[in-house]
Amino acid sequence: MSPVERLRSLTARKPGPASDRTDVPGSVLALDVAETAVLAEAAHLLACAPDTEPEDFCAQARRAAGVVPGRVRDRLAAFAWGCVTDGHLLITGLPLPERVPPAPPTNHGCVAAGTVTTRAQAILNECVGHTLAYEAEGHGHLFQDVVPSRAHARTQTSQSSEAELDLHTEQAFSALRPDYLSLACLRGAPDALTFLLPAKDLCTVLTAQERRSLREPLWTTTVDQSFLDTGLILSARVVRGPMPILRGAEDDPFIVFDHDLMRGISDEAEVLRTTVQQRYLVRRIGLSLAPGEMVLIDNRRAMHGRSVFAARYDGTDRFVSRSFVTADPARSRHARPGNGRSVAAAFC
């Protein structure tokens, strides 16, 4: 049977009876056995390699998204529309490889990208938007291996483990930041918590004056160290702003924040930045990703961080596949040569 015929047969399959399903409301989407099987079969049909054929790979993933069971596709469509609980959607039941590969010692390769889990992640990404890479982030890979590195253990990067990753918006410094952060777990670590704080939740513990001030352009930010390490971003463009932290609808606020890199342009603004961090420490949500779980974080509506955790550097460490998703590829078209999938560093 040809790949097209197999995809057609997948599309024709009907979901199992309602009595066999468990719908978890809110921020969790639990795939049932039948849904996992459909997603696994579709993932195995992605013949292209995301590291060497990113455009073709994403085109295949987008076609395969058409066979995602209706219940799952509808929930992802609602999430993309803005029906977001707690700034994220946790998806459980992704297919896993028979043997999860050892966690690599660095993030230079594309180990996760070859697994059925990452390919399923790619399909689900395409249900909410379009997967993008950034030339200056994660070696320009579409799907990046997030693993602890001994050399970066105490840094403010995704490779750290001995330092808590501070509260931040992904790429707060860039106008072309992703709309969603996608993390799929191949191997978990119970003590590694992904922290989240939705902007809406933050606003409930701020005064009206604090909320108004956060909408003023009172903060600057520098560029993330992982971007600067590539040497592709000019030092003259390191400081960005001033900018507001909050924007958008009062009942559905968007947020841009980076506790490590942002600074207020006045003493009052610095105090307010510290207030946001203090509220985060009290209100944050903690998720410990398990194998086969994927979290989509709405990068406009929520900030995130990560706890300290114990790394062994023996191949058995936490291993997560990370990718970035845009809701509007036209916004970055000028920065993607040849209408490709990678945002050039010069535009970050």
C-alpha atoms as a PDB file:
ATOM      1  CA  MET A   1       0.000   0.000   0.000  1.00  0.00           C
ATOM      2  CA  SER A   2       1.367   3.425  -0.942  1.00  0.00           C
ATOM      3  CA  PRO A   3       1.826   6.147   1.714  1.00  0.00           C
ATOM      4  CA  VAL A   4      -1.097   8.069   0.205  1.00  0.00           C
ATOM      5  CA  GLU A   5      -3.337   4.998   0.382  1.00  0.00           C
ATOM      6  CA  ARG A   6      -2.299   4.348   3.965  1.00  0.00           C
ATOM      7  CA  LEU A   7      -3.083   7.931   4.936  1.00  0.00           C
ATOM      8  CA  ARG A   8      -6.471   7.610   3.254  1.00  0.00           C
ATOM      9  CA  SER A   9      -7.210   4.460   5.206  1.00  0.00           C
ATOM     10  CA  LEU A  10      -6.237   6.190   8.430  1.00  0.00           C
ATOM     11  CA  THR A  11      -8.564   9.069   7.600  1.00  0.00           C
ATOM     12  CA  ALA A  12     -11.449   6.673   7.012  1.00  0.00           C
ATOM     13  CA  ARG A  13     -11.124   5.031  10.424  1.00  0.00           C
ATOM     14  CA  LYS A  14     -13.715   5.980  12.978  1.00  0.00           C
ATOM     15  CA  PRO A  15     -12.871   6.680  16.621  1.00  0.00           C
ATOM     16  CA  GLY A  16     -13.778   4.154  19.265  1.00  0.00           C
ATOM     17  CA  PRO A  17     -17.053   4.298  21.205  1.00  0.00           C
ATOM     18  CA  ALA A  18     -17.528   7.124  23.669  1.00  0.00           C
ATOM     19  CA  SER A  19     -17.545   4.636  26.554  1.00  0.00           C
ATOM     20  CA  ASP A  20     -13.921   3.774  25.755  1.00  0.00           C
ATOM     21  CA  ARG A  21     -12.724   7.372  26.064  1.00  0.00           C
ATOM     22  CA  THR A  22     -11.782   9.588  28.966  1.00  0.00           C
ATOM     23  CA  ASP A  23     -11.945  13.321  28.309  1.00  0.00           C
ATOM     24  CA  VAL A  24      -9.979  15.303  30.860  1.00  0.00           C
ATOM     25  CA  PRO A  25     -11.194  18.916  30.841  1.00  0.00           C
ATOM     26  CA  GLY A  26      -9.017  21.972  31.146  1.00  0.00           C
ATOM     27  CA  SER A  27      -5.313  21.858  30.446  1.00  0.00           C
ATOM     28  CA  VAL A  28      -4.901  18.087  29.870  1.00  0.00           C
ATOM     29  CA  LEU A  29      -5.621  16.174  26.670  1.00  0.00           C
ATOM     30  CA  ALA A  30      -5.265  12.432  27.318  1.00  0.00           C
ATOM     31  CA  LEU A  31      -4.961  10.342  24.160  1.00  0.00           C
ATOM     32  CA  ASP A  32      -6.679   6.973  24.329  1.00  0.00           C
ATOM     33  CA  VAL A  33      -5.138   3.777  22.971  1.00  0.00           C
ATOM     34  CA  ALA A  34      -6.804   4.096  19.569  1.00  0.00           C
ATOM     35  CA  GLU A  35      -5.746   7.729  19.188  1.00  0.00           C
ATOM     36  CA  THR A  36      -2.164   6.877  20.105  1.00  0.00           C
ATOM     37  CA  ALA A  37      -2.141   4.079  17.522  1.00  0.00           C
ATOM     38  CA  VAL A  38      -3.400   6.379  14.756  1.00  0.00           C
ATOM     39  CA  LEU A  39      -0.803   8.998  15.656  1.00  0.00           C
ATOM     40  CA  ALA A  40       1.989   6.405  15.734  1.00  0.00           C
ATOM     41  CA  GLU A  41       1.052   5.041  12.323  1.00  0.00           C
ATOM     42  CA  ALA A  42       0.902   8.534  10.850  1.00  0.00           C
ATOM     43  CA  ALA A  43       4.270   9.397  12.432  1.00  0.00           C
ATOM     44  CA  HIS A  44       5.928   6.373  10.845  1.00  0.00           C
ATOM     45  CA  LEU A  45       4.866   7.668   7.425  1.00  0.00           C
ATOM     46  CA  LEU A  46       7.042  10.776   7.708  1.00  0.00           C
ATOM     47  CA  ALA A  47       9.884   9.713   5.443  1.00  0.00           C
ATOM     48  CA  CYS A  48      11.915  12.943   5.364  1.00  0.00           C
ATOM     49  CA  ALA A  49      14.508  13.947   7.959  1.00  0.00           C
ATOM     50  CA  PRO A  50      13.777  17.189   9.847  1.00  0.00           C
ATOM     51  CA  ASP A  51      17.457  18.103  10.183  1.00  0.00           C
ATOM     52  CA  THR A  52      18.323  17.813   6.479  1.00  0.00           C
ATOM     53  CA  GLU A  53      14.923  18.237   4.798  1.00  0.00           C
ATOM     54  CA  PRO A  54      13.005  20.597   7.115  1.00  0.00           C
ATOM     55  CA  GLU A  55      10.606  21.986   4.512  1.00  0.00           C
ATOM     56  CA  ASP A  56       9.677  18.570   3.119  1.00  0.00           C
ATOM     57  CA  PHE A  57       9.446  17.084   6.600  1.00  0.00           C
ATOM     58  CA  CYS A  58       7.040  19.793   7.783  1.00  0.00           C
ATOM     59  CA  ALA A  59       4.968  19.443   4.622  1.00  0.00           C
ATOM     60  CA  GLN A  60       4.615  15.721   5.349  1.00  0.00           C
ATOM     61  CA  ALA A  61       3.725  16.444   8.986  1.00  0.00           C
ATOM     62  CA  ARG A  62       1.065  18.928   7.919  1.00  0.00           C
ATOM     63  CA  ARG A  63      -0.513  16.388   5.561  1.00  0.00           C
ATOM     64  CA  ALA A  64      -0.414  13.766   8.302  1.00  0.00           C
ATOM     65  CA  ALA A  65      -2.154  16.206  10.662  1.00  0.00           C
ATOM     66  CA  GLY A  66      -5.259  15.609   8.580  1.00  0.00           C
ATOM     67  CA  VAL A  67      -5.564  12.086   9.971  1.00  0.00           C
ATOM     68  CA  VAL A  68      -5.333  13.071  13.626  1.00  0.00           C
ATOM     69  CA  PRO A  69      -8.568  11.871  15.286  1.00  0.00           C
ATOM     70  CA  GLY A  70     -11.284  14.504  15.375  1.00  0.00           C
ATOM     71  CA  ARG A  71     -11.478  14.854  19.155  1.00  0.00           C
ATOM     72  CA  VAL A  72      -7.748  15.570  19.355  1.00  0.00           C
ATOM     73  CA  ARG A  73      -7.728  17.865  16.341  1.00  0.00           C
ATOM     74  CA  ASP A  74     -10.692  19.830  17.695  1.00  0.00           C
ATOM     75  CA  ARG A  75      -9.018  20.363  21.082  1.00  0.00           C
ATOM     76  CA  LEU A  76      -5.805  21.538  19.412  1.00  0.00           C
ATOM     77  CA  ALA A  77      -7.776  23.880  17.152  1.00  0.00           C
ATOM     78  CA  ALA A  78      -9.498  25.347  20.205  1.00  0.00           C
ATOM     79  CA  PHE A  79      -6.134  25.801  21.908  1.00  0.00           C
ATOM     80  CA  ALA A  80      -4.805  27.589  18.814  1.00  0.00           C
ATOM     81  CA  TRP A  81      -7.884  29.841  18.804  1.00  0.00           C
ATOM     82  CA  GLY A  82      -7.159  30.907  22.365  1.00  0.00           C
ATOM     83  CA  CYS A  83      -9.153  28.479  24.514  1.00  0.00           C
ATOM     84  CA  VAL A  84      -6.207  28.127  26.869  1.00  0.00           C
ATOM     85  CA  THR A  85      -6.335  26.949  30.471  1.00  0.00           C
ATOM     86  CA  ASP A  86      -3.361  27.936  32.622  1.00  0.00           C
ATOM     87  CA  GLY A  87      -1.355  28.993  29.564  1.00  0.00           C
ATOM     88  CA  HIS A  88      -0.638  25.493  28.340  1.00  0.00           C
ATOM     89  CA  LEU A  89      -1.986  22.184  27.071  1.00  0.00           C
ATOM     90  CA  LEU A  90      -0.507  18.934  28.388  1.00  0.00           C
ATOM     91  CA  ILE A  91      -0.962  16.010  25.983  1.00  0.00           C
ATOM     92  CA  THR A  92      -0.451  12.491  27.323  1.00  0.00           C
ATOM     93  CA  GLY A  93      -0.181   9.205  25.448  1.00  0.00           C
ATOM     94  CA  LEU A  94       2.224  10.068  22.626  1.00  0.00           C
ATOM     95  CA  PRO A  95       3.841   6.998  21.060  1.00  0.00           C
ATOM     96  CA  LEU A  96       7.294   6.059  22.318  1.00  0.00           C
ATOM     97  CA  PRO A  97      10.083   4.158  20.537  1.00  0.00           C
ATOM     98  CA  GLU A  98      10.624   0.539  21.570  1.00  0.00           C
ATOM     99  CA  ARG A  99      13.973   1.661  22.935  1.00  0.00           C
ATOM    100  CA  VAL A 100      14.449   5.277  23.956  1.00  0.00           C
ATOM    101  CA  PRO A 101      17.927   6.347  22.809  1.00  0.00           C
ATOM    102  CA  PRO A 102      20.482   7.378  25.426  1.00  0.00           C
ATOM    103  CA  ALA A 103      20.456  11.071  26.242  1.00  0.00           C
ATOM    104  CA  PRO A 104      23.296  12.596  24.203  1.00  0.00           C
ATOM    105  CA  PRO A 105      26.029  14.532  26.051  1.00  0.00           C
ATOM    106  CA  THR A 106      25.290  17.743  24.098  1.00  0.00           C
ATOM    107  CA  ASN A 107      22.483  19.310  22.066  1.00  0.00           C
ATOM    108  CA  HIS A 108      24.571  19.413  18.886  1.00  0.00           C
ATOM    109  CA  GLY A 109      22.923  16.444  17.212  1.00  0.00           C
ATOM    110  CA  CYS A 110      19.367  15.557  16.264  1.00  0.00           C
ATOM    111  CA  VAL A 111      18.892  12.357  18.221  1.00  0.00           C
ATOM    112  CA  ALA A 112      15.291  12.961  19.297  1.00  0.00           C
ATOM    113  CA  ALA A 113      14.303  13.956  15.761  1.00  0.00           C
ATOM    114  CA  GLY A 114      14.651  10.349  14.616  1.00  0.00           C
ATOM    115  CA  THR A 115      12.128   8.989  17.114  1.00  0.00           C
ATOM    116  CA  VAL A 116       8.435   8.295  16.630  1.00  0.00           C
ATOM    117  CA  THR A 117       7.737  10.576  19.597  1.00  0.00           C
ATOM    118  CA  THR A 118       9.229  13.645  17.938  1.00  0.00           C
ATOM    119  CA  ARG A 119       7.501  12.809  14.674  1.00  0.00           C
ATOM    120  CA  ALA A 120       4.190  12.618  16.510  1.00  0.00           C
ATOM    121  CA  GLN A 121       5.085  15.928  18.144  1.00  0.00           C
ATOM    122  CA  ALA A 122       5.667  17.411  14.677  1.00  0.00           C
ATOM    123  CA  ILE A 123       2.205  16.315  13.538  1.00  0.00           C
ATOM    124  CA  LEU A 124       0.532  17.804  16.610  1.00  0.00           C
ATOM    125  CA  ASN A 125       2.541  21.015  16.180  1.00  0.00           C
ATOM    126  CA  GLU A 126       1.091  21.397  12.704  1.00  0.00           C
ATOM    127  CA  CYS A 127      -2.406  21.159  14.179  1.00  0.00           C
ATOM    128  CA  VAL A 128      -1.855  24.429  16.055  1.00  0.00           C
ATOM    129  CA  GLY A 129       0.480  26.314  13.715  1.00  0.00           C
ATOM    130  CA  HIS A 130       3.722  25.919  11.773  1.00  0.00           C
ATOM    131  CA  THR A 131       6.981  24.560  13.209  1.00  0.00           C
ATOM    132  CA  LEU A 132       9.930  26.943  12.841  1.00  0.00           C
ATOM    133  CA  ALA A 133      13.654  26.798  13.553  1.00  0.00           C
ATOM    134  CA  TYR A 134      15.914  29.684  14.539  1.00  0.00           C
ATOM    135  CA  GLU A 135      19.396  29.839  13.058  1.00  0.00           C
ATOM    136  CA  ALA A 136      20.898  31.130  16.299  1.00  0.00           C
ATOM    137  CA  GLU A 137      19.095  28.732  18.658  1.00  0.00           C
ATOM    138  CA  GLY A 138      19.777  25.041  19.165  1.00  0.00           C
ATOM    139  CA  HIS A 139      22.230  24.940  16.254  1.00  0.00           C
ATOM    140  CA  GLY A 140      19.406  25.846  13.914  1.00  0.00           C
ATOM    141  CA  HIS A 141      17.670  22.494  14.328  1.00  0.00           C
ATOM    142  CA  LEU A 142      13.915  22.214  13.859  1.00  0.00           C
ATOM    143  CA  PHE A 143      13.765  19.787  16.797  1.00  0.00           C
ATOM    144  CA  GLN A 144      16.395  20.191  19.485  1.00  0.00           C
ATOM    145  CA  ASP A 145      17.690  17.714  22.029  1.00  0.00           C
ATOM    146  CA  VAL A 146      17.123  19.218  25.478  1.00  0.00           C
ATOM    147  CA  VAL A 147      19.546  17.367  27.730  1.00  0.00           C
ATOM    148  CA  PRO A 148      21.719  18.384  30.680  1.00  0.00           C
ATOM    149  CA  SER A 149      25.300  19.319  29.864  1.00  0.00           C
ATOM    150  CA  ARG A 150      28.078  19.257  32.430  1.00  0.00           C
ATOM    151  CA  ALA A 151      29.662  22.327  30.803  1.00  0.00           C
ATOM    152  CA  HIS A 152      26.410  24.315  31.048  1.00  0.00           C
ATOM    153  CA  ALA A 153      25.120  22.968  34.362  1.00  0.00           C
ATOM    154  CA  ARG A 154      24.944  26.390  36.043  1.00  0.00           C
ATOM    155  CA  THR A 155      23.956  28.526  33.053  1.00  0.00           C
ATOM    156  CA  GLN A 156      20.638  30.166  32.194  1.00  0.00           C
ATOM    157  CA  THR A 157      20.104  27.787  29.263  1.00  0.00           C
ATOM    158  CA  SER A 158      18.029  24.682  28.586  1.00  0.00           C
ATOM    159  CA  GLN A 159      21.173  22.573  29.143  1.00  0.00           C
ATOM    160  CA  SER A 160      21.456  23.549  32.805  1.00  0.00           C
ATOM    161  CA  SER A 161      20.538  21.349  35.751  1.00  0.00           C
ATOM    162  CA  GLU A 162      22.280  22.793  38.825  1.00  0.00           C
ATOM    163  CA  ALA A 163      20.777  26.264  38.298  1.00  0.00           C
ATOM    164  CA  GLU A 164      17.064  26.977  38.204  1.00  0.00           C
ATOM    165  CA  LEU A 165      16.020  28.296  34.811  1.00  0.00           C
ATOM    166  CA  ASP A 166      14.531  31.697  35.589  1.00  0.00           C
ATOM    167  CA  LEU A 167      11.030  32.793  34.662  1.00  0.00           C
ATOM    168  CA  HIS A 168      10.922  33.964  31.053  1.00  0.00           C
ATOM    169  CA  THR A 169       9.077  34.295  27.792  1.00  0.00           C
ATOM    170  CA  GLU A 170      10.823  32.317  25.055  1.00  0.00           C
ATOM    171  CA  GLN A 171      12.953  34.820  23.097  1.00  0.00           C
ATOM    172  CA  ALA A 172      11.571  37.841  24.929  1.00  0.00           C
ATOM    173  CA  PHE A 173      14.110  40.005  23.092  1.00  0.00           C
ATOM    174  CA  SER A 174      12.826  39.174  19.594  1.00  0.00           C
ATOM    175  CA  ALA A 175       9.808  40.479  17.691  1.00  0.00           C
ATOM    176  CA  LEU A 176       9.859  37.131  15.879  1.00  0.00           C
ATOM    177  CA  ARG A 177       9.593  35.021  19.026  1.00  0.00           C
ATOM    178  CA  PRO A 178       7.549  31.805  18.660  1.00  0.00           C
ATOM    179  CA  ASP A 179       3.878  31.765  19.582  1.00  0.00           C
ATOM    180  CA  TYR A 180       4.152  28.299  21.126  1.00  0.00           C
ATOM    181  CA  LEU A 181       6.878  26.290  22.798  1.00  0.00           C
ATOM    182  CA  SER A 182       6.515  22.536  22.241  1.00  0.00           C
ATOM    183  CA  LEU A 183       8.224  20.042  24.579  1.00  0.00           C
ATOM    184  CA  ALA A 184       7.880  16.267  24.122  1.00  0.00           C
ATOM    185  CA  CYS A 185       9.378  13.940  26.720  1.00  0.00           C
ATOM    186  CA  LEU A 186      11.333  10.827  25.774  1.00  0.00           C
ATOM    187  CA  ARG A 187      12.822  10.235  29.220  1.00  0.00           C
ATOM    188  CA  GLY A 188      11.687  12.038  32.336  1.00  0.00           C
ATOM    189  CA  ALA A 189      13.188  13.081  35.647  1.00  0.00           C
ATOM    190  CA  PRO A 190      10.700  13.297  38.532  1.00  0.00           C
ATOM    191  CA  ASP A 191      12.641  16.140  40.160  1.00  0.00           C
ATOM    192  CA  ALA A 192      12.716  18.245  36.967  1.00  0.00           C
ATOM    193  CA  LEU A 193       9.706  20.550  37.042  1.00  0.00           C
ATOM    194  CA  THR A 194       8.661  22.795  34.177  1.00  0.00           C
ATOM    195  CA  PHE A 195       7.218  25.868  35.870  1.00  0.00           C
ATOM    196  CA  LEU A 196       4.433  27.987  34.350  1.00  0.00           C
ATOM    197  CA  LEU A 197       2.728  31.245  35.234  1.00  0.00           C
ATOM    198  CA  PRO A 198      -0.130  32.441  33.002  1.00  0.00           C
ATOM    199  CA  ALA A 199      -0.398  36.207  32.511  1.00  0.00           C
ATOM    200  CA  LYS A 200      -4.072  36.032  33.476  1.00  0.00           C
ATOM    201  CA  ASP A 201      -3.189  34.391  36.789  1.00  0.00           C
ATOM    202  CA  LEU A 202      -0.447  36.940  37.456  1.00  0.00           C
ATOM    203  CA  CYS A 203      -2.913  39.784  36.958  1.00  0.00           C
ATOM    204  CA  THR A 204      -5.198  38.434  39.681  1.00  0.00           C
ATOM    205  CA  VAL A 205      -2.502  39.083  42.309  1.00  0.00           C
ATOM    206  CA  LEU A 206      -1.490  42.558  41.112  1.00  0.00           C
ATOM    207  CA  THR A 207      -3.071  45.890  41.957  1.00  0.00           C
ATOM    208  CA  ALA A 208      -4.844  47.910  39.271  1.00  0.00           C
ATOM    209  CA  GLN A 209      -1.969  50.407  39.296  1.00  0.00           C
ATOM    210  CA  GLU A 210       0.598  47.629  38.886  1.00  0.00           C
ATOM    211  CA  ARG A 211      -1.314  46.223  35.925  1.00  0.00           C
ATOM    212  CA  ARG A 212      -1.488  49.665  34.311  1.00  0.00           C
ATOM    213  CA  SER A 213       2.233  50.243  34.824  1.00  0.00           C
ATOM    214  CA  LEU A 214       3.103  46.871  33.286  1.00  0.00           C
ATOM    215  CA  ARG A 215       1.474  48.096  30.059  1.00  0.00           C
ATOM    216  CA  GLU A 216       3.933  51.004  29.813  1.00  0.00           C
ATOM    217  CA  PRO A 217       7.286  50.704  27.927  1.00  0.00           C
ATOM    218  CA  LEU A 218       9.465  50.718  31.041  1.00  0.00           C
ATOM    219  CA  TRP A 219      11.808  47.745  30.506  1.00  0.00           C
ATOM    220  CA  THR A 220      14.757  46.829  28.317  1.00  0.00           C
ATOM    221  CA  THR A 221      16.090  43.350  27.666  1.00  0.00           C
ATOM    222  CA  THR A 222      19.321  41.865  26.416  1.00  0.00           C
ATOM    223  CA  VAL A 223      19.663  38.864  24.110  1.00  0.00           C
ATOM    224  CA  ASP A 224      19.603  35.299  25.412  1.00  0.00           C
ATOM    225  CA  GLN A 225      23.065  33.817  25.995  1.00  0.00           C
ATOM    226  CA  SER A 226      22.311  30.795  23.811  1.00  0.00           C
ATOM    227  CA  PHE A 227      21.814  33.173  20.876  1.00  0.00           C
ATOM    228  CA  LEU A 228      24.939  35.224  21.633  1.00  0.00           C
ATOM    229  CA  ASP A 229      27.116  32.113  21.897  1.00  0.00           C
ATOM    230  CA  THR A 230      26.685  31.502  18.171  1.00  0.00           C
ATOM    231  CA  GLY A 231      28.402  34.786  17.296  1.00  0.00           C
ATOM    232  CA  LEU A 232      25.705  35.443  14.688  1.00  0.00           C
ATOM    233  CA  ILE A 233      24.048  38.388  16.456  1.00  0.00           C
ATOM    234  CA  LEU A 234      25.761  41.790  16.355  1.00  0.00           C
ATOM    235  CA  SER A 235      26.735  43.165  19.778  1.00  0.00           C
ATOM    236  CA  ALA A 236      25.288  46.567  18.805  1.00  0.00           C
ATOM    237  CA  ARG A 237      21.828  44.973  18.838  1.00  0.00           C
ATOM    238  CA  VAL A 238      22.129  43.242  22.195  1.00  0.00           C
ATOM    239  CA  VAL A 239      19.957  45.706  24.170  1.00  0.00           C
ATOM    240  CA  ARG A 240      16.310  45.909  23.072  1.00  0.00           C
ATOM    241  CA  GLY A 241      13.490  48.165  24.217  1.00  0.00           C
ATOM    242  CA  PRO A 242      12.144  49.847  26.208  1.00  0.00           C
ATOM    243  CA  MET A 243       9.018  47.704  26.047  1.00  0.00           C
ATOM    244  CA  PRO A 244       5.935  46.898  28.131  1.00  0.00           C
ATOM    245  CA  ILE A 245       5.532  43.594  29.954  1.00  0.00           C
ATOM    246  CA  LEU A 246       1.751  43.313  29.499  1.00  0.00           C
ATOM    247  CA  ARG A 247      -0.319  44.034  26.403  1.00  0.00           C
ATOM    248  CA  GLY A 248      -3.551  43.021  24.721  1.00  0.00           C
ATOM    249  CA  ALA A 249      -7.028  42.389  26.080  1.00  0.00           C
ATOM    250  CA  GLU A 250      -7.748  43.034  29.739  1.00  0.00           C
ATOM    251  CA  ASP A 251      -9.485  39.658  30.051  1.00  0.00           C
ATOM    252  CA  ASP A 252      -6.837  37.761  28.042  1.00  0.00           C
ATOM    253  CA  PRO A 253      -3.503  39.552  28.501  1.00  0.00           C
ATOM    254  CA  PHE A 254      -0.321  38.774  26.581  1.00  0.00           C
ATOM    255  CA  ILE A 255       3.034  38.993  28.342  1.00  0.00           C
ATOM    256  CA  VAL A 256       6.747  39.393  27.554  1.00  0.00           C
ATOM    257  CA  PHE A 257       9.118  38.863  30.464  1.00  0.00           C
ATOM    258  CA  ASP A 258      12.609  37.626  31.283  1.00  0.00           C
ATOM    259  CA  HIS A 259      13.700  37.860  34.906  1.00  0.00           C
ATOM    260  CA  ASP A 260      17.354  37.259  34.064  1.00  0.00           C
ATOM    261  CA  LEU A 261      17.669  39.624  31.087  1.00  0.00           C
ATOM    262  CA  MET A 262      15.093  42.386  31.654  1.00  0.00           C
ATOM    263  CA  ARG A 263      15.788  45.563  33.584  1.00  0.00           C
ATOM    264  CA  GLY A 264      13.558  48.516  34.425  1.00  0.00           C
ATOM    265  CA  ILE A 265      14.468  51.973  33.155  1.00  0.00           C
ATOM    266  CA  SER A 266      13.556  53.444  36.555  1.00  0.00           C
ATOM    267  CA  ASP A 267      13.693  52.362  40.181  1.00  0.00           C
ATOM    268  CA  GLU A 268       9.923  51.951  40.184  1.00  0.00           C
ATOM    269  CA  ALA A 269      10.060  49.718  37.108  1.00  0.00           C
ATOM    270  CA  GLU A 270      12.750  47.577  38.745  1.00  0.00           C
ATOM    271  CA  VAL A 271      10.587  47.130  41.820  1.00  0.00           C
ATOM    272  CA  LEU A 272       7.686  46.036  39.629  1.00  0.00           C
ATOM    273  CA  ARG A 273       9.886  43.550  37.758  1.00  0.00           C
ATOM    274  CA  THR A 274      10.854  42.049  41.110  1.00  0.00           C
ATOM    275  CA  THR A 275       7.189  41.948  42.107  1.00  0.00           C
ATOM    276  CA  VAL A 276       6.384  39.822  39.049  1.00  0.00           C
ATOM    277  CA  GLN A 277       9.124  37.374  40.061  1.00  0.00           C
ATOM    278  CA  GLN A 278       7.832  37.227  43.642  1.00  0.00           C
ATOM    279  CA  ARG A 279       4.284  36.514  42.485  1.00  0.00           C
ATOM    280  CA  TYR A 280       5.649  33.769  40.220  1.00  0.00           C
ATOM    281  CA  LEU A 281       7.384  32.002  43.094  1.00  0.00           C
ATOM    282  CA  VAL A 282       4.060  31.841  44.953  1.00  0.00           C
ATOM    283  CA  ARG A 283       1.655  31.145  42.072  1.00  0.00           C
ATOM    284  CA  ARG A 284       3.627  29.002  39.625  1.00  0.00           C
ATOM    285  CA  ILE A 285       2.396  25.673  38.294  1.00  0.00           C
ATOM    286  CA  GLY A 286       4.869  22.758  38.244  1.00  0.00           C
ATOM    287  CA  LEU A 287       4.775  19.965  35.645  1.00  0.00           C
ATOM    288  CA  SER A 288       7.051  16.929  35.751  1.00  0.00           C
ATOM    289  CA  LEU A 289       6.963  15.589  32.199  1.00  0.00           C
ATOM    290  CA  ALA A 290       6.837  11.805  31.895  1.00  0.00           C
ATOM    291  CA  PRO A 291       7.784   9.750  28.815  1.00  0.00           C
ATOM    292  CA  GLY A 292       5.141  10.123  26.117  1.00  0.00           C
ATOM    293  CA  GLU A 293       3.926  13.471  27.426  1.00  0.00           C
ATOM    294  CA  MET A 294       4.040  16.707  25.462  1.00  0.00           C
ATOM    295  CA  VAL A 295       3.310  20.211  26.656  1.00  0.00           C
ATOM    296  CA  LEU A 296       2.372  23.109  24.406  1.00  0.00           C
ATOM    297  CA  ILE A 297       3.059  26.421  26.151  1.00  0.00           C
ATOM    298  CA  ASP A 298       1.357  29.503  24.765  1.00  0.00           C
ATOM    299  CA  ASN A 299       4.357  31.842  24.655  1.00  0.00           C
ATOM    300  CA  ARG A 300       2.105  34.896  24.447  1.00  0.00           C
ATOM    301  CA  ARG A 301      -0.090  34.029  27.408  1.00  0.00           C
ATOM    302  CA  ALA A 302       2.311  32.328  29.822  1.00  0.00           C
ATOM    303  CA  MET A 303       5.871  32.491  31.112  1.00  0.00           C
ATOM    304  CA  HIS A 304       7.887  29.441  32.061  1.00  0.00           C
ATOM    305  CA  GLY A 305      10.974  28.247  33.910  1.00  0.00           C
ATOM    306  CA  ARG A 306      12.485  24.977  35.155  1.00  0.00           C
ATOM    307  CA  SER A 307      13.636  23.622  38.484  1.00  0.00           C
ATOM    308  CA  VAL A 308      17.035  22.335  39.489  1.00  0.00           C
ATOM    309  CA  PHE A 309      17.364  18.571  38.996  1.00  0.00           C
ATOM    310  CA  ALA A 310      19.986  15.869  39.457  1.00  0.00           C
ATOM    311  CA  ALA A 311      21.942  15.033  36.296  1.00  0.00           C
ATOM    312  CA  ARG A 312      24.071  11.897  35.959  1.00  0.00           C
ATOM    313  CA  TYR A 313      25.624  12.445  32.499  1.00  0.00           C
ATOM    314  CA  ASP A 314      25.499   8.724  31.793  1.00  0.00           C
ATOM    315  CA  GLY A 315      22.889   8.569  29.021  1.00  0.00           C
ATOM    316  CA  THR A 316      19.974   8.038  31.425  1.00  0.00           C
ATOM    317  CA  ASP A 317      19.220  11.722  32.008  1.00  0.00           C
ATOM    318  CA  ARG A 318      16.073  13.672  31.207  1.00  0.00           C
ATOM    319  CA  PHE A 319      15.640  13.833  27.434  1.00  0.00           C
ATOM    320  CA  VAL A 320      13.145  16.233  25.873  1.00  0.00           C
ATOM    321  CA  SER A 321      12.492  17.188  22.256  1.00  0.00           C
ATOM    322  CA  ARG A 322      11.985  20.950  21.910  1.00  0.00           C
ATOM    323  CA  SER A 323      10.499  22.857  19.001  1.00  0.00           C
ATOM    324  CA  PHE A 324       8.963  26.239  18.263  1.00  0.00           C
ATOM    325  CA  VAL A 325       5.653  26.958  16.557  1.00  0.00           C
ATOM    326  CA  THR A 326       4.315  30.120  14.929  1.00  0.00           C
ATOM    327  CA  ALA A 327       0.641  30.909  14.417  1.00  0.00           C
ATOM    328  CA  ASP A 328       1.468  33.302  11.564  1.00  0.00           C
ATOM    329  CA  PRO A 329       4.375  32.411   9.242  1.00  0.00           C
ATOM    330  CA  ALA A 330       3.854  35.656   7.296  1.00  0.00           C
ATOM    331  CA  ARG A 331       5.150  37.590  10.309  1.00  0.00           C
ATOM    332  CA  SER A 332       8.645  36.130   9.833  1.00  0.00           C
ATOM    333  CA  ARG A 333       8.655  35.746   6.040  1.00  0.00           C
ATOM    334  CA  HIS A 334      11.209  38.550   5.556  1.00  0.00           C
ATOM    335  CA  ALA A 335      13.553  36.710   7.929  1.00  0.00           C
ATOM    336  CA  ARG A 336      13.269  33.253   6.352  1.00  0.00           C
ATOM    337  CA  PRO A 337      15.405  33.032   3.197  1.00  0.00           C
ATOM    338  CA  GLY A 338      13.668  31.224   0.362  1.00  0.00           C
ATOM    339  CA  ASN A 339      10.483  30.951   2.444  1.00  0.00           C
ATOM    340  CA  GLY A 340      12.182  28.177   4.394  1.00  0.00           C
ATOM    341  CA  ARG A 341      11.577  27.029   7.955  1.00  0.00           C
ATOM    342  CA  SER A 342      14.524  28.812   9.616  1.00  0.00           C
ATOM    343  CA  VAL A 343      14.538  32.388  10.935  1.00  0.00           C
ATOM    344  CA  ALA A 344      17.906  33.973  10.114  1.00  0.00           C
ATOM    345  CA  ALA A 345      19.957  35.180  13.083  1.00  0.00           C
ATOM    346  CA  ALA A 346      20.328  38.649  11.577  1.00  0.00           C
ATOM    347  CA  PHE A 347      16.621  39.267  12.209  1.00  0.00           C
ATOM    348  CA  CYS A 348      16.438  37.940  15.779  1.00  0.00           C
END
